[in-house]
Amino acid sequence: MAELTLRGYNATITFGNTKAIDLLVEYEGNTVMIQVKGIQRSKSICWNVSESTLRTGLLFVFVNLHVDTMQPPEYFIMTNEEVDEHLKRTKSGRNYIDYNFMKRLGTQDRWEKVGKL
């Protein structure tokens, strides 16, 4: 939320009252729903994503906080459709988005997607 606010967006936390939506962002009269997924360490390899969180019009912000190295956080922004396309689905149902794949995909700091939904 702080990163969005720094970029001029009006964001509010849902405090868990809205399943699968962590933030609501107002942008040019439109409301954007955002699901935030976080990992803490530089050596973390993926973000778990439940298929039940996928929904049309949702934007995902994947964050690596790098608390172990004190590097600045990394942000990867994907639309619901992009997550659905690139989600690694497993037989166990523990689906994920791979961190290294995200770095190669070019979704880092794509904040302009907030205004395109």
PDB file of N, CA and C in Angstrom:
ATOM      1  N   MET A   1       0.822  -1.184   0.000  1.00  0.00           N
ATOM      2  CA  MET A   1       0.000   0.000   0.000  1.00  0.00           C
ATOM      3  C   MET A   1       0.870   1.252   0.000  1.00  0.00           C
ATOM      4  N   ALA A   2       1.958   1.213   0.757  1.00  0.00           N
ATOM      5  CA  ALA A   2       2.845   2.375   0.807  1.00  0.00           C
ATOM      6  C   ALA A   2       3.424   2.679  -0.567  1.00  0.00           C
ATOM      7  N   GLU A   3       3.806   1.664  -1.298  1.00  0.00           N
ATOM      8  CA  GLU A   3       4.377   1.872  -2.630  1.00  0.00           C
ATOM      9  C   GLU A   3       3.355   2.502  -3.575  1.00  0.00           C
ATOM     10  N   LEU A   4       2.116   2.059  -3.500  1.00  0.00           N
ATOM     11  CA  LEU A   4       1.055   2.640  -4.320  1.00  0.00           C
ATOM     12  C   LEU A   4       0.805   4.102  -3.944  1.00  0.00           C
ATOM     13  N   THR A   5       0.791   4.388  -2.661  1.00  0.00           N
ATOM     14  CA  THR A   5       0.576   5.755  -2.186  1.00  0.00           C
ATOM     15  C   THR A   5       1.704   6.676  -2.658  1.00  0.00           C
ATOM     16  N   LEU A   6       2.943   6.189  -2.592  1.00  0.00           N
ATOM     17  CA  LEU A   6       4.079   6.977  -3.080  1.00  0.00           C
ATOM     18  C   LEU A   6       3.960   7.289  -4.563  1.00  0.00           C
ATOM     19  N   ARG A   7       3.286   6.421  -5.296  1.00  0.00           N
ATOM     20  CA  ARG A   7       3.124   6.598  -6.737  1.00  0.00           C
ATOM     21  C   ARG A   7       1.867   7.397  -7.095  1.00  0.00           C
ATOM     22  N   GLY A   8       1.186   7.917  -6.068  1.00  0.00           N
ATOM     23  CA  GLY A   8       0.051   8.799  -6.306  1.00  0.00           C
ATOM     24  C   GLY A   8      -1.311   8.133  -6.339  1.00  0.00           C
ATOM     25  N   TYR A   9      -1.369   6.856  -6.020  1.00  0.00           N
ATOM     26  CA  TYR A   9      -2.652   6.155  -5.994  1.00  0.00           C
ATOM     27  C   TYR A   9      -3.287   6.276  -4.621  1.00  0.00           C
ATOM     28  N   ASN A  10      -4.598   6.301  -4.562  1.00  0.00           N
ATOM     29  CA  ASN A  10      -5.339   6.327  -3.313  1.00  0.00           C
ATOM     30  C   ASN A  10      -5.699   4.882  -2.972  1.00  0.00           C
ATOM     31  N   ALA A  11      -5.015   4.306  -1.977  1.00  0.00           N
ATOM     32  CA  ALA A  11      -5.190   2.891  -1.645  1.00  0.00           C
ATOM     33  C   ALA A  11      -5.674   2.717  -0.216  1.00  0.00           C
ATOM     34  N   THR A  12      -6.472   1.675  -0.017  1.00  0.00           N
ATOM     35  CA  THR A  12      -6.943   1.341   1.322  1.00  0.00           C
ATOM     36  C   THR A  12      -6.870  -0.168   1.523  1.00  0.00           C
ATOM     37  N   ILE A  13      -6.625  -0.588   2.755  1.00  0.00           N
ATOM     38  CA  ILE A  13      -6.537  -2.008   3.109  1.00  0.00           C
ATOM     39  C   ILE A  13      -7.929  -2.526   3.445  1.00  0.00           C
ATOM     40  N   THR A  14      -8.224  -3.754   3.026  1.00  0.00           N
ATOM     41  CA  THR A  14      -9.536  -4.334   3.330  1.00  0.00           C
ATOM     42  C   THR A  14      -9.557  -5.030   4.687  1.00  0.00           C
ATOM     43  N   PHE A  15      -8.412  -5.210   5.342  1.00  0.00           N
ATOM     44  CA  PHE A  15      -8.305  -5.840   6.654  1.00  0.00           C
ATOM     45  C   PHE A  15      -8.958  -7.218   6.712  1.00  0.00           C
ATOM     46  N   GLY A  16      -8.855  -7.965   5.617  1.00  0.00           N
ATOM     47  CA  GLY A  16      -9.353  -9.334   5.596  1.00  0.00           C
ATOM     48  C   GLY A  16     -10.854  -9.468   5.490  1.00  0.00           C
ATOM     49  N   ASN A  17     -11.554  -8.357   5.356  1.00  0.00           N
ATOM     50  CA  ASN A  17     -13.014  -8.424   5.276  1.00  0.00           C
ATOM     51  C   ASN A  17     -13.502  -8.829   3.892  1.00  0.00           C
ATOM     52  N   THR A  18     -12.639  -8.787   2.911  1.00  0.00           N
ATOM     53  CA  THR A  18     -13.003  -9.142   1.547  1.00  0.00           C
ATOM     54  C   THR A  18     -12.081 -10.262   1.094  1.00  0.00           C
ATOM     55  N   LYS A  19     -12.606 -11.465   0.992  1.00  0.00           N
ATOM     56  CA  LYS A  19     -11.778 -12.614   0.639  1.00  0.00           C
ATOM     57  C   LYS A  19     -11.109 -12.404  -0.716  1.00  0.00           C
ATOM     58  N   ALA A  20      -9.821 -12.651  -0.775  1.00  0.00           N
ATOM     59  CA  ALA A  20      -8.993 -12.574  -1.982  1.00  0.00           C
ATOM     60  C   ALA A  20      -8.725 -11.152  -2.454  1.00  0.00           C
ATOM     61  N   ILE A  21      -9.164 -10.151  -1.716  1.00  0.00           N
ATOM     62  CA  ILE A  21      -8.848  -8.764  -2.071  1.00  0.00           C
ATOM     63  C   ILE A  21      -8.190  -8.117  -0.852  1.00  0.00           C
ATOM     64  N   ASP A  22      -6.935  -7.700  -1.021  1.00  0.00           N
ATOM     65  CA  ASP A  22      -6.190  -7.091   0.083  1.00  0.00           C
ATOM     66  C   ASP A  22      -6.253  -5.569   0.067  1.00  0.00           C
ATOM     67  N   LEU A  23      -6.278  -5.002  -1.136  1.00  0.00           N
ATOM     68  CA  LEU A  23      -6.291  -3.553  -1.274  1.00  0.00           C
ATOM     69  C   LEU A  23      -7.342  -3.126  -2.283  1.00  0.00           C
ATOM     70  N   LEU A  24      -7.907  -1.969  -2.031  1.00  0.00           N
ATOM     71  CA  LEU A  24      -8.758  -1.306  -3.011  1.00  0.00           C
ATOM     72  C   LEU A  24      -8.051  -0.011  -3.384  1.00  0.00           C
ATOM     73  N   VAL A  25      -7.898   0.215  -4.679  1.00  0.00           N
ATOM     74  CA  VAL A  25      -7.179   1.384  -5.161  1.00  0.00           C
ATOM     75  C   VAL A  25      -8.104   2.192  -6.050  1.00  0.00           C
ATOM     76  N   GLU A  26      -8.214   3.484  -5.752  1.00  0.00           N
ATOM     77  CA  GLU A  26      -9.010   4.382  -6.579  1.00  0.00           C
ATOM     78  C   GLU A  26      -8.060   5.060  -7.549  1.00  0.00           C
ATOM     79  N   TYR A  27      -8.417   4.996  -8.838  1.00  0.00           N
ATOM     80  CA  TYR A  27      -7.594   5.606  -9.860  1.00  0.00           C
ATOM     81  C   TYR A  27      -8.500   6.201 -10.928  1.00  0.00           C
ATOM     82  N   GLU A  28      -8.463   7.505 -11.064  1.00  0.00           N
ATOM     83  CA  GLU A  28      -9.265   8.234 -12.060  1.00  0.00           C
ATOM     84  C   GLU A  28     -10.734   7.809 -12.039  1.00  0.00           C
ATOM     85  N   GLY A  29     -11.298   7.726 -10.850  1.00  0.00           N
ATOM     86  CA  GLY A  29     -12.709   7.406 -10.690  1.00  0.00           C
ATOM     87  C   GLY A  29     -13.045   5.930 -10.755  1.00  0.00           C
ATOM     88  N   ASN A  30     -12.059   5.076 -11.002  1.00  0.00           N
ATOM     89  CA  ASN A  30     -12.278   3.630 -11.035  1.00  0.00           C
ATOM     90  C   ASN A  30     -11.672   2.982  -9.799  1.00  0.00           C
ATOM     91  N   THR A  31     -12.244   1.867  -9.390  1.00  0.00           N
ATOM     92  CA  THR A  31     -11.714   1.116  -8.262  1.00  0.00           C
ATOM     93  C   THR A  31     -11.054  -0.152  -8.780  1.00  0.00           C
ATOM     94  N   VAL A  32      -9.816  -0.381  -8.354  1.00  0.00           N
ATOM     95  CA  VAL A  32      -9.055  -1.559  -8.744  1.00  0.00           C
ATOM     96  C   VAL A  32      -8.873  -2.437  -7.514  1.00  0.00           C
ATOM     97  N   MET A  33      -9.163  -3.741  -7.673  1.00  0.00           N
ATOM     98  CA  MET A  33      -8.982  -4.709  -6.596  1.00  0.00           C
ATOM     99  C   MET A  33      -7.597  -5.330  -6.731  1.00  0.00           C
ATOM    100  N   ILE A  34      -6.870  -5.405  -5.616  1.00  0.00           N
ATOM    101  CA  ILE A  34      -5.508  -5.939  -5.645  1.00  0.00           C
ATOM    102  C   ILE A  34      -5.351  -7.039  -4.599  1.00  0.00           C
ATOM    103  N   GLN A  35      -4.746  -8.140  -5.018  1.00  0.00           N
ATOM    104  CA  GLN A  35      -4.344  -9.230  -4.133  1.00  0.00           C
ATOM    105  C   GLN A  35      -2.829  -9.139  -4.001  1.00  0.00           C
ATOM    106  N   VAL A  36      -2.325  -9.088  -2.772  1.00  0.00           N
ATOM    107  CA  VAL A  36      -0.888  -8.981  -2.524  1.00  0.00           C
ATOM    108  C   VAL A  36      -0.376 -10.330  -2.019  1.00  0.00           C
ATOM    109  N   LYS A  37       0.717 -10.781  -2.629  1.00  0.00           N
ATOM    110  CA  LYS A  37       1.388 -12.005  -2.207  1.00  0.00           C
ATOM    111  C   LYS A  37       2.814 -11.631  -1.857  1.00  0.00           C
ATOM    112  N   GLY A  38       3.282 -12.072  -0.704  1.00  0.00           N
ATOM    113  CA  GLY A  38       4.619 -11.694  -0.274  1.00  0.00           C
ATOM    114  C   GLY A  38       5.496 -12.865   0.090  1.00  0.00           C
ATOM    115  N   ILE A  39       6.787 -12.699  -0.165  1.00  0.00           N
ATOM    116  CA  ILE A  39       7.816 -13.582   0.354  1.00  0.00           C
ATOM    117  C   ILE A  39       8.829 -12.685   1.055  1.00  0.00           C
ATOM    118  N   GLN A  40       9.550 -13.257   2.008  1.00  0.00           N
ATOM    119  CA  GLN A  40      10.403 -12.426   2.842  1.00  0.00           C
ATOM    120  C   GLN A  40      11.884 -12.481   2.507  1.00  0.00           C
ATOM    121  N   ARG A  41      12.348 -13.597   1.993  1.00  0.00           N
ATOM    122  CA  ARG A  41      13.784 -13.785   1.864  1.00  0.00           C
ATOM    123  C   ARG A  41      14.242 -13.822   0.401  1.00  0.00           C
ATOM    124  N   SER A  42      15.466 -13.396   0.188  1.00  0.00           N
ATOM    125  CA  SER A  42      16.034 -13.387  -1.153  1.00  0.00           C
ATOM    126  C   SER A  42      16.102 -14.788  -1.751  1.00  0.00           C
ATOM    127  N   LYS A  43      16.244 -15.798  -0.915  1.00  0.00           N
ATOM    128  CA  LYS A  43      16.359 -17.169  -1.413  1.00  0.00           C
ATOM    129  C   LYS A  43      14.999 -17.847  -1.581  1.00  0.00           C
ATOM    130  N   SER A  44      13.914 -17.151  -1.280  1.00  0.00           N
ATOM    131  CA  SER A  44      12.583 -17.724  -1.494  1.00  0.00           C
ATOM    132  C   SER A  44      12.395 -17.959  -2.988  1.00  0.00           C
ATOM    133  N   ILE A  45      11.679 -19.004  -3.325  1.00  0.00           N
ATOM    134  CA  ILE A  45      11.602 -19.378  -4.737  1.00  0.00           C
ATOM    135  C   ILE A  45      10.232 -19.171  -5.378  1.00  0.00           C
ATOM    136  N   CYS A  46       9.185 -18.961  -4.565  1.00  0.00           N
ATOM    137  CA  CYS A  46       7.874 -18.828  -5.193  1.00  0.00           C
ATOM    138  C   CYS A  46       6.848 -18.207  -4.244  1.00  0.00           C
ATOM    139  N   TRP A  47       5.748 -17.784  -4.856  1.00  0.00           N
ATOM    140  CA  TRP A  47       4.581 -17.319  -4.118  1.00  0.00           C
ATOM    141  C   TRP A  47       3.474 -18.344  -4.327  1.00  0.00           C
ATOM    142  N   ASN A  48       2.850 -18.805  -3.261  1.00  0.00           N
ATOM    143  CA  ASN A  48       1.718 -19.717  -3.382  1.00  0.00           C
ATOM    144  C   ASN A  48       0.485 -18.923  -3.792  1.00  0.00           C
ATOM    145  N   VAL A  49      -0.265 -19.474  -4.741  1.00  0.00           N
ATOM    146  CA  VAL A  49      -1.474 -18.823  -5.231  1.00  0.00           C
ATOM    147  C   VAL A  49      -2.577 -19.862  -5.315  1.00  0.00           C
ATOM    148  N   SER A  50      -3.624 -19.645  -4.560  1.00  0.00           N
ATOM    149  CA  SER A  50      -4.780 -20.530  -4.632  1.00  0.00           C
ATOM    150  C   SER A  50      -5.622 -20.174  -5.841  1.00  0.00           C
ATOM    151  N   GLU A  51      -6.052 -21.197  -6.576  1.00  0.00           N
ATOM    152  CA  GLU A  51      -6.882 -20.935  -7.749  1.00  0.00           C
ATOM    153  C   GLU A  51      -8.186 -20.247  -7.372  1.00  0.00           C
ATOM    154  N   SER A  52      -8.615 -20.404  -6.129  1.00  0.00           N
ATOM    155  CA  SER A  52      -9.864 -19.775  -5.706  1.00  0.00           C
ATOM    156  C   SER A  52      -9.751 -18.253  -5.621  1.00  0.00           C
ATOM    157  N   THR A  53      -8.523 -17.721  -5.625  1.00  0.00           N
ATOM    158  CA  THR A  53      -8.360 -16.259  -5.574  1.00  0.00           C
ATOM    159  C   THR A  53      -8.436 -15.620  -6.954  1.00  0.00           C
ATOM    160  N   LEU A  54      -8.363 -16.418  -8.002  1.00  0.00           N
ATOM    161  CA  LEU A  54      -8.412 -15.864  -9.355  1.00  0.00           C
ATOM    162  C   LEU A  54      -9.811 -15.356  -9.656  1.00  0.00           C
ATOM    163  N   ARG A  55      -9.884 -14.136 -10.149  1.00  0.00           N
ATOM    164  CA  ARG A  55     -11.169 -13.552 -10.547  1.00  0.00           C
ATOM    165  C   ARG A  55     -10.936 -12.403 -11.518  1.00  0.00           C
ATOM    166  N   THR A  56     -11.837 -12.263 -12.454  1.00  0.00           N
ATOM    167  CA  THR A  56     -11.737 -11.220 -13.470  1.00  0.00           C
ATOM    168  C   THR A  56     -11.647  -9.847 -12.814  1.00  0.00           C
ATOM    169  N   GLY A  57     -10.750  -9.009 -13.328  1.00  0.00           N
ATOM    170  CA  GLY A  57     -10.613  -7.647 -12.824  1.00  0.00           C
ATOM    171  C   GLY A  57      -9.678  -7.505 -11.643  1.00  0.00           C
ATOM    172  N   LEU A  58      -9.082  -8.612 -11.189  1.00  0.00           N
ATOM    173  CA  LEU A  58      -8.176  -8.569 -10.046  1.00  0.00           C
ATOM    174  C   LEU A  58      -6.748  -8.359 -10.535  1.00  0.00           C
ATOM    175  N   LEU A  59      -6.001  -7.552  -9.811  1.00  0.00           N
ATOM    176  CA  LEU A  59      -4.597  -7.325 -10.091  1.00  0.00           C
ATOM    177  C   LEU A  59      -3.795  -7.956  -8.956  1.00  0.00           C
ATOM    178  N   PHE A  60      -2.701  -8.612  -9.291  1.00  0.00           N
ATOM    179  CA  PHE A  60      -1.832  -9.222  -8.287  1.00  0.00           C
ATOM    180  C   PHE A  60      -0.545  -8.421  -8.171  1.00  0.00           C
ATOM    181  N   VAL A  61      -0.114  -8.169  -6.933  1.00  0.00           N
ATOM    182  CA  VAL A  61       1.186  -7.572  -6.672  1.00  0.00           C
ATOM    183  C   VAL A  61       1.968  -8.583  -5.855  1.00  0.00           C
ATOM    184  N   PHE A  62       3.036  -9.115  -6.455  1.00  0.00           N
ATOM    185  CA  PHE A  62       3.915 -10.074  -5.791  1.00  0.00           C
ATOM    186  C   PHE A  62       5.121  -9.308  -5.271  1.00  0.00           C
ATOM    187  N   VAL A  63       5.421  -9.483  -3.986  1.00  0.00           N
ATOM    188  CA  VAL A  63       6.474  -8.701  -3.335  1.00  0.00           C
ATOM    189  C   VAL A  63       7.521  -9.635  -2.755  1.00  0.00           C
ATOM    190  N   ASN A  64       8.798  -9.325  -2.992  1.00  0.00           N
ATOM    191  CA  ASN A  64       9.890  -9.980  -2.274  1.00  0.00           C
ATOM    192  C   ASN A  64      10.495  -8.911  -1.377  1.00  0.00           C
ATOM    193  N   LEU A  65      10.336  -9.075  -0.059  1.00  0.00           N
ATOM    194  CA  LEU A  65      10.765  -8.050   0.893  1.00  0.00           C
ATOM    195  C   LEU A  65      12.269  -8.044   1.156  1.00  0.00           C
ATOM    196  N   HIS A  66      12.962  -9.126   0.870  1.00  0.00           N
ATOM    197  CA  HIS A  66      14.414  -9.221   1.075  1.00  0.00           C
ATOM    198  C   HIS A  66      14.830  -8.847   2.509  1.00  0.00           C
ATOM    199  N   VAL A  67      14.110  -9.334   3.504  1.00  0.00           N
ATOM    200  CA  VAL A  67      14.444  -8.985   4.888  1.00  0.00           C
ATOM    201  C   VAL A  67      15.793  -9.551   5.322  1.00  0.00           C
ATOM    202  N   ASP A  68      16.261 -10.581   4.648  1.00  0.00           N
ATOM    203  CA  ASP A  68      17.537 -11.184   5.022  1.00  0.00           C
ATOM    204  C   ASP A  68      18.743 -10.408   4.501  1.00  0.00           C
ATOM    205  N   THR A  69      18.563  -9.646   3.444  1.00  0.00           N
ATOM    206  CA  THR A  69      19.687  -8.908   2.859  1.00  0.00           C
ATOM    207  C   THR A  69      19.526  -7.396   2.962  1.00  0.00           C
ATOM    208  N   MET A  70      18.359  -6.956   3.377  1.00  0.00           N
ATOM    209  CA  MET A  70      18.048  -5.536   3.504  1.00  0.00           C
ATOM    210  C   MET A  70      18.102  -4.800   2.165  1.00  0.00           C
ATOM    211  N   GLN A  71      17.974  -5.514   1.054  1.00  0.00           N
ATOM    212  CA  GLN A  71      17.835  -4.881  -0.252  1.00  0.00           C
ATOM    213  C   GLN A  71      16.435  -4.291  -0.328  1.00  0.00           C
ATOM    214  N   PRO A  72      16.234  -3.321  -1.208  1.00  0.00           N
ATOM    215  CA  PRO A  72      14.877  -2.782  -1.377  1.00  0.00           C
ATOM    216  C   PRO A  72      13.923  -3.876  -1.860  1.00  0.00           C
ATOM    217  N   PRO A  73      12.658  -3.781  -1.493  1.00  0.00           N
ATOM    218  CA  PRO A  73      11.681  -4.768  -1.966  1.00  0.00           C
ATOM    219  C   PRO A  73      11.574  -4.750  -3.488  1.00  0.00           C
ATOM    220  N   GLU A  74      11.219  -5.908  -4.026  1.00  0.00           N
ATOM    221  CA  GLU A  74      10.935  -6.022  -5.451  1.00  0.00           C
ATOM    222  C   GLU A  74       9.438  -6.222  -5.608  1.00  0.00           C
ATOM    223  N   TYR A  75       8.853  -5.593  -6.629  1.00  0.00           N
ATOM    224  CA  TYR A  75       7.419  -5.689  -6.894  1.00  0.00           C
ATOM    225  C   TYR A  75       7.203  -6.210  -8.311  1.00  0.00           C
ATOM    226  N   PHE A  76       6.351  -7.205  -8.424  1.00  0.00           N
ATOM    227  CA  PHE A  76       5.985  -7.776  -9.721  1.00  0.00           C
ATOM    228  C   PHE A  76       4.472  -7.662  -9.838  1.00  0.00           C
ATOM    229  N   ILE A  77       4.002  -7.035 -10.905  1.00  0.00           N
ATOM    230  CA  ILE A  77       2.574  -6.761 -11.049  1.00  0.00           C
ATOM    231  C   ILE A  77       2.037  -7.552 -12.233  1.00  0.00           C
ATOM    232  N   MET A  78       0.955  -8.314 -11.979  1.00  0.00           N
ATOM    233  CA  MET A  78       0.345  -9.143 -13.014  1.00  0.00           C
ATOM    234  C   MET A  78      -1.171  -9.030 -12.942  1.00  0.00           C
ATOM    235  N   THR A  79      -1.799  -9.077 -14.103  1.00  0.00           N
ATOM    236  CA  THR A  79      -3.254  -9.141 -14.140  1.00  0.00           C
ATOM    237  C   THR A  79      -3.707 -10.550 -13.773  1.00  0.00           C
ATOM    238  N   ASN A  80      -4.972 -10.696 -13.459  1.00  0.00           N
ATOM    239  CA  ASN A  80      -5.538 -12.004 -13.170  1.00  0.00           C
ATOM    240  C   ASN A  80      -5.285 -12.966 -14.331  1.00  0.00           C
ATOM    241  N   GLU A  81      -5.461 -12.482 -15.543  1.00  0.00           N
ATOM    242  CA  GLU A  81      -5.279 -13.326 -16.721  1.00  0.00           C
ATOM    243  C   GLU A  81      -3.823 -13.793 -16.861  1.00  0.00           C
ATOM    244  N   GLU A  82      -2.875 -12.929 -16.551  1.00  0.00           N
ATOM    245  CA  GLU A  82      -1.457 -13.313 -16.603  1.00  0.00           C
ATOM    246  C   GLU A  82      -1.139 -14.360 -15.553  1.00  0.00           C
ATOM    247  N   VAL A  83      -1.677 -14.190 -14.353  1.00  0.00           N
ATOM    248  CA  VAL A  83      -1.454 -15.179 -13.300  1.00  0.00           C
ATOM    249  C   VAL A  83      -2.048 -16.518 -13.718  1.00  0.00           C
ATOM    250  N   ASP A  84      -3.263 -16.497 -14.227  1.00  0.00           N
ATOM    251  CA  ASP A  84      -3.920 -17.729 -14.665  1.00  0.00           C
ATOM    252  C   ASP A  84      -3.095 -18.432 -15.740  1.00  0.00           C
ATOM    253  N   GLU A  85      -2.516 -17.661 -16.651  1.00  0.00           N
ATOM    254  CA  GLU A  85      -1.710 -18.234 -17.732  1.00  0.00           C
ATOM    255  C   GLU A  85      -0.400 -18.834 -17.238  1.00  0.00           C
ATOM    256  N   HIS A  86       0.246 -18.199 -16.266  1.00  0.00           N
ATOM    257  CA  HIS A  86       1.584 -18.603 -15.840  1.00  0.00           C
ATOM    258  C   HIS A  86       1.619 -19.365 -14.516  1.00  0.00           C
ATOM    259  N   LEU A  87       0.475 -19.603 -13.915  1.00  0.00           N
ATOM    260  CA  LEU A  87       0.407 -20.318 -12.646  1.00  0.00           C
ATOM    261  C   LEU A  87       0.889 -21.750 -12.834  1.00  0.00           C
ATOM    262  N   LYS A  88       1.812 -22.168 -12.006  1.00  0.00           N
ATOM    263  CA  LYS A  88       2.286 -23.553 -12.023  1.00  0.00           C
ATOM    264  C   LYS A  88       1.329 -24.362 -11.165  1.00  0.00           C
ATOM    265  N   ARG A  89       0.545 -25.192 -11.819  1.00  0.00           N
ATOM    266  CA  ARG A  89      -0.461 -25.994 -11.117  1.00  0.00           C
ATOM    267  C   ARG A  89       0.131 -27.353 -10.763  1.00  0.00           C
ATOM    268  N   THR A  90      -0.104 -27.768  -9.522  1.00  0.00           N
ATOM    269  CA  THR A  90       0.423 -29.043  -9.062  1.00  0.00           C
ATOM    270  C   THR A  90      -0.719 -29.988  -8.714  1.00  0.00           C
ATOM    271  N   LYS A  91      -0.421 -31.273  -8.694  1.00  0.00           N
ATOM    272  CA  LYS A  91      -1.432 -32.279  -8.338  1.00  0.00           C
ATOM    273  C   LYS A  91      -1.911 -32.102  -6.903  1.00  0.00           C
ATOM    274  N   SER A  92      -1.027 -31.617  -6.046  1.00  0.00           N
ATOM    275  CA  SER A  92      -1.389 -31.436  -4.638  1.00  0.00           C
ATOM    276  C   SER A  92      -2.281 -30.217  -4.425  1.00  0.00           C
ATOM    277  N   GLY A  93      -2.409 -29.380  -5.459  1.00  0.00           N
ATOM    278  CA  GLY A  93      -3.205 -28.164  -5.322  1.00  0.00           C
ATOM    279  C   GLY A  93      -2.426 -26.996  -4.759  1.00  0.00           C
ATOM    280  N   ARG A  94      -1.143 -27.202  -4.517  1.00  0.00           N
ATOM    281  CA  ARG A  94      -0.283 -26.127  -4.008  1.00  0.00           C
ATOM    282  C   ARG A  94       0.338 -25.392  -5.205  1.00  0.00           C
ATOM    283  N   ASN A  95      -0.456 -24.561  -5.819  1.00  0.00           N
ATOM    284  CA  ASN A  95      -0.066 -23.852  -7.031  1.00  0.00           C
ATOM    285  C   ASN A  95       0.826 -22.668  -6.683  1.00  0.00           C
ATOM    286  N   TYR A  96       1.672 -22.288  -7.631  1.00  0.00           N
ATOM    287  CA  TYR A  96       2.618 -21.220  -7.324  1.00  0.00           C
ATOM    288  C   TYR A  96       3.045 -20.453  -8.570  1.00  0.00           C
ATOM    289  N   ILE A  97       3.597 -19.272  -8.310  1.00  0.00           N
ATOM    290  CA  ILE A  97       4.268 -18.454  -9.312  1.00  0.00           C
ATOM    291  C   ILE A  97       5.746 -18.434  -8.928  1.00  0.00           C
ATOM    292  N   ASP A  98       6.602 -18.809  -9.855  1.00  0.00           N
ATOM    293  CA  ASP A  98       8.034 -18.931  -9.607  1.00  0.00           C
ATOM    294  C   ASP A  98       8.723 -17.561  -9.637  1.00  0.00           C
ATOM    295  N   TYR A  99       9.521 -17.281  -8.622  1.00  0.00           N
ATOM    296  CA  TYR A  99      10.222 -15.998  -8.494  1.00  0.00           C
ATOM    297  C   TYR A  99      11.162 -15.743  -9.673  1.00  0.00           C
ATOM    298  N   ASN A 100      12.004 -16.705 -10.019  1.00  0.00           N
ATOM    299  CA  ASN A 100      12.957 -16.508 -11.111  1.00  0.00           C
ATOM    300  C   ASN A 100      12.250 -16.338 -12.451  1.00  0.00           C
ATOM    301  N   PHE A 101      11.146 -17.034 -12.637  1.00  0.00           N
ATOM    302  CA  PHE A 101      10.356 -16.873 -13.849  1.00  0.00           C
ATOM    303  C   PHE A 101       9.823 -15.443 -13.929  1.00  0.00           C
ATOM    304  N   MET A 102       9.351 -14.918 -12.804  1.00  0.00           N
ATOM    305  CA  MET A 102       8.823 -13.550 -12.772  1.00  0.00           C
ATOM    306  C   MET A 102       9.896 -12.539 -13.177  1.00  0.00           C
ATOM    307  N   LYS A 103      11.113 -12.740 -12.725  1.00  0.00           N
ATOM    308  CA  LYS A 103      12.198 -11.822 -13.078  1.00  0.00           C
ATOM    309  C   LYS A 103      12.447 -11.833 -14.582  1.00  0.00           C
ATOM    310  N   ARG A 104      12.350 -13.002 -15.213  1.00  0.00           N
ATOM    311  CA  ARG A 104      12.572 -13.106 -16.660  1.00  0.00           C
ATOM    312  C   ARG A 104      11.374 -12.611 -17.469  1.00  0.00           C
ATOM    313  N   LEU A 105      10.176 -12.707 -16.895  1.00  0.00           N
ATOM    314  CA  LEU A 105       8.946 -12.384 -17.615  1.00  0.00           C
ATOM    315  C   LEU A 105       8.775 -10.887 -17.887  1.00  0.00           C
ATOM    316  N   GLY A 106       9.402 -10.060 -17.076  1.00  0.00           N
ATOM    317  CA  GLY A 106       9.298  -8.618 -17.297  1.00  0.00           C
ATOM    318  C   GLY A 106       8.105  -7.972 -16.628  1.00  0.00           C
ATOM    319  N   THR A 107       7.659  -8.509 -15.520  1.00  0.00           N
ATOM    320  CA  THR A 107       6.518  -7.927 -14.811  1.00  0.00           C
ATOM    321  C   THR A 107       6.946  -7.031 -13.642  1.00  0.00           C
ATOM    322  N   GLN A 108       8.245  -6.882 -13.444  1.00  0.00           N
ATOM    323  CA  GLN A 108       8.725  -6.076 -12.322  1.00  0.00           C
ATOM    324  C   GLN A 108       8.404  -4.601 -12.531  1.00  0.00           C
ATOM    325  N   ASP A 109       7.854  -4.000 -11.471  1.00  0.00           N
ATOM    326  CA  ASP A 109       7.534  -2.563 -11.438  1.00  0.00           C
ATOM    327  C   ASP A 109       6.614  -2.121 -12.574  1.00  0.00           C
ATOM    328  N   ARG A 110       5.682  -2.940 -12.949  1.00  0.00           N
ATOM    329  CA  ARG A 110       4.733  -2.600 -14.014  1.00  0.00           C
ATOM    330  C   ARG A 110       3.492  -1.943 -13.410  1.00  0.00           C
ATOM    331  N   TRP A 111       3.719  -0.865 -12.670  1.00  0.00           N
ATOM    332  CA  TRP A 111       2.661  -0.175 -11.939  1.00  0.00           C
ATOM    333  C   TRP A 111       1.604   0.428 -12.851  1.00  0.00           C
ATOM    334  N   GLU A 112       1.937   0.652 -14.113  1.00  0.00           N
ATOM    335  CA  GLU A 112       0.957   1.220 -15.032  1.00  0.00           C
ATOM    336  C   GLU A 112      -0.252   0.309 -15.208  1.00  0.00           C
ATOM    337  N   LYS A 113      -0.120  -0.965 -14.869  1.00  0.00           N
ATOM    338  CA  LYS A 113      -1.241  -1.894 -14.981  1.00  0.00           C
ATOM    339  C   LYS A 113      -2.384  -1.524 -14.042  1.00  0.00           C
ATOM    340  N   VAL A 114      -2.085  -0.790 -12.973  1.00  0.00           N
ATOM    341  CA  VAL A 114      -3.132  -0.367 -12.041  1.00  0.00           C
ATOM    342  C   VAL A 114      -4.150   0.505 -12.770  1.00  0.00           C
ATOM    343  N   GLY A 115      -3.689   1.354 -13.640  1.00  0.00           N
ATOM    344  CA  GLY A 115      -4.583   2.254 -14.353  1.00  0.00           C
ATOM    345  C   GLY A 115      -5.238   1.671 -15.586  1.00  0.00           C
ATOM    346  N   LYS A 116      -4.890   0.437 -15.935  1.00  0.00           N
ATOM    347  CA  LYS A 116      -5.416  -0.163 -17.162  1.00  0.00           C
ATOM    348  C   LYS A 116      -6.530  -1.156 -16.918  1.00  0.00           C
ATOM    349  N   LEU A 117      -6.904  -1.405 -15.682  1.00  0.00           N
ATOM    350  CA  LEU A 117      -7.989  -2.364 -15.423  1.00  0.00           C
ATOM    351  C   LEU A 117      -9.334  -1.698 -15.463  1.00  0.00           C
TER     352      LEU A 117
END
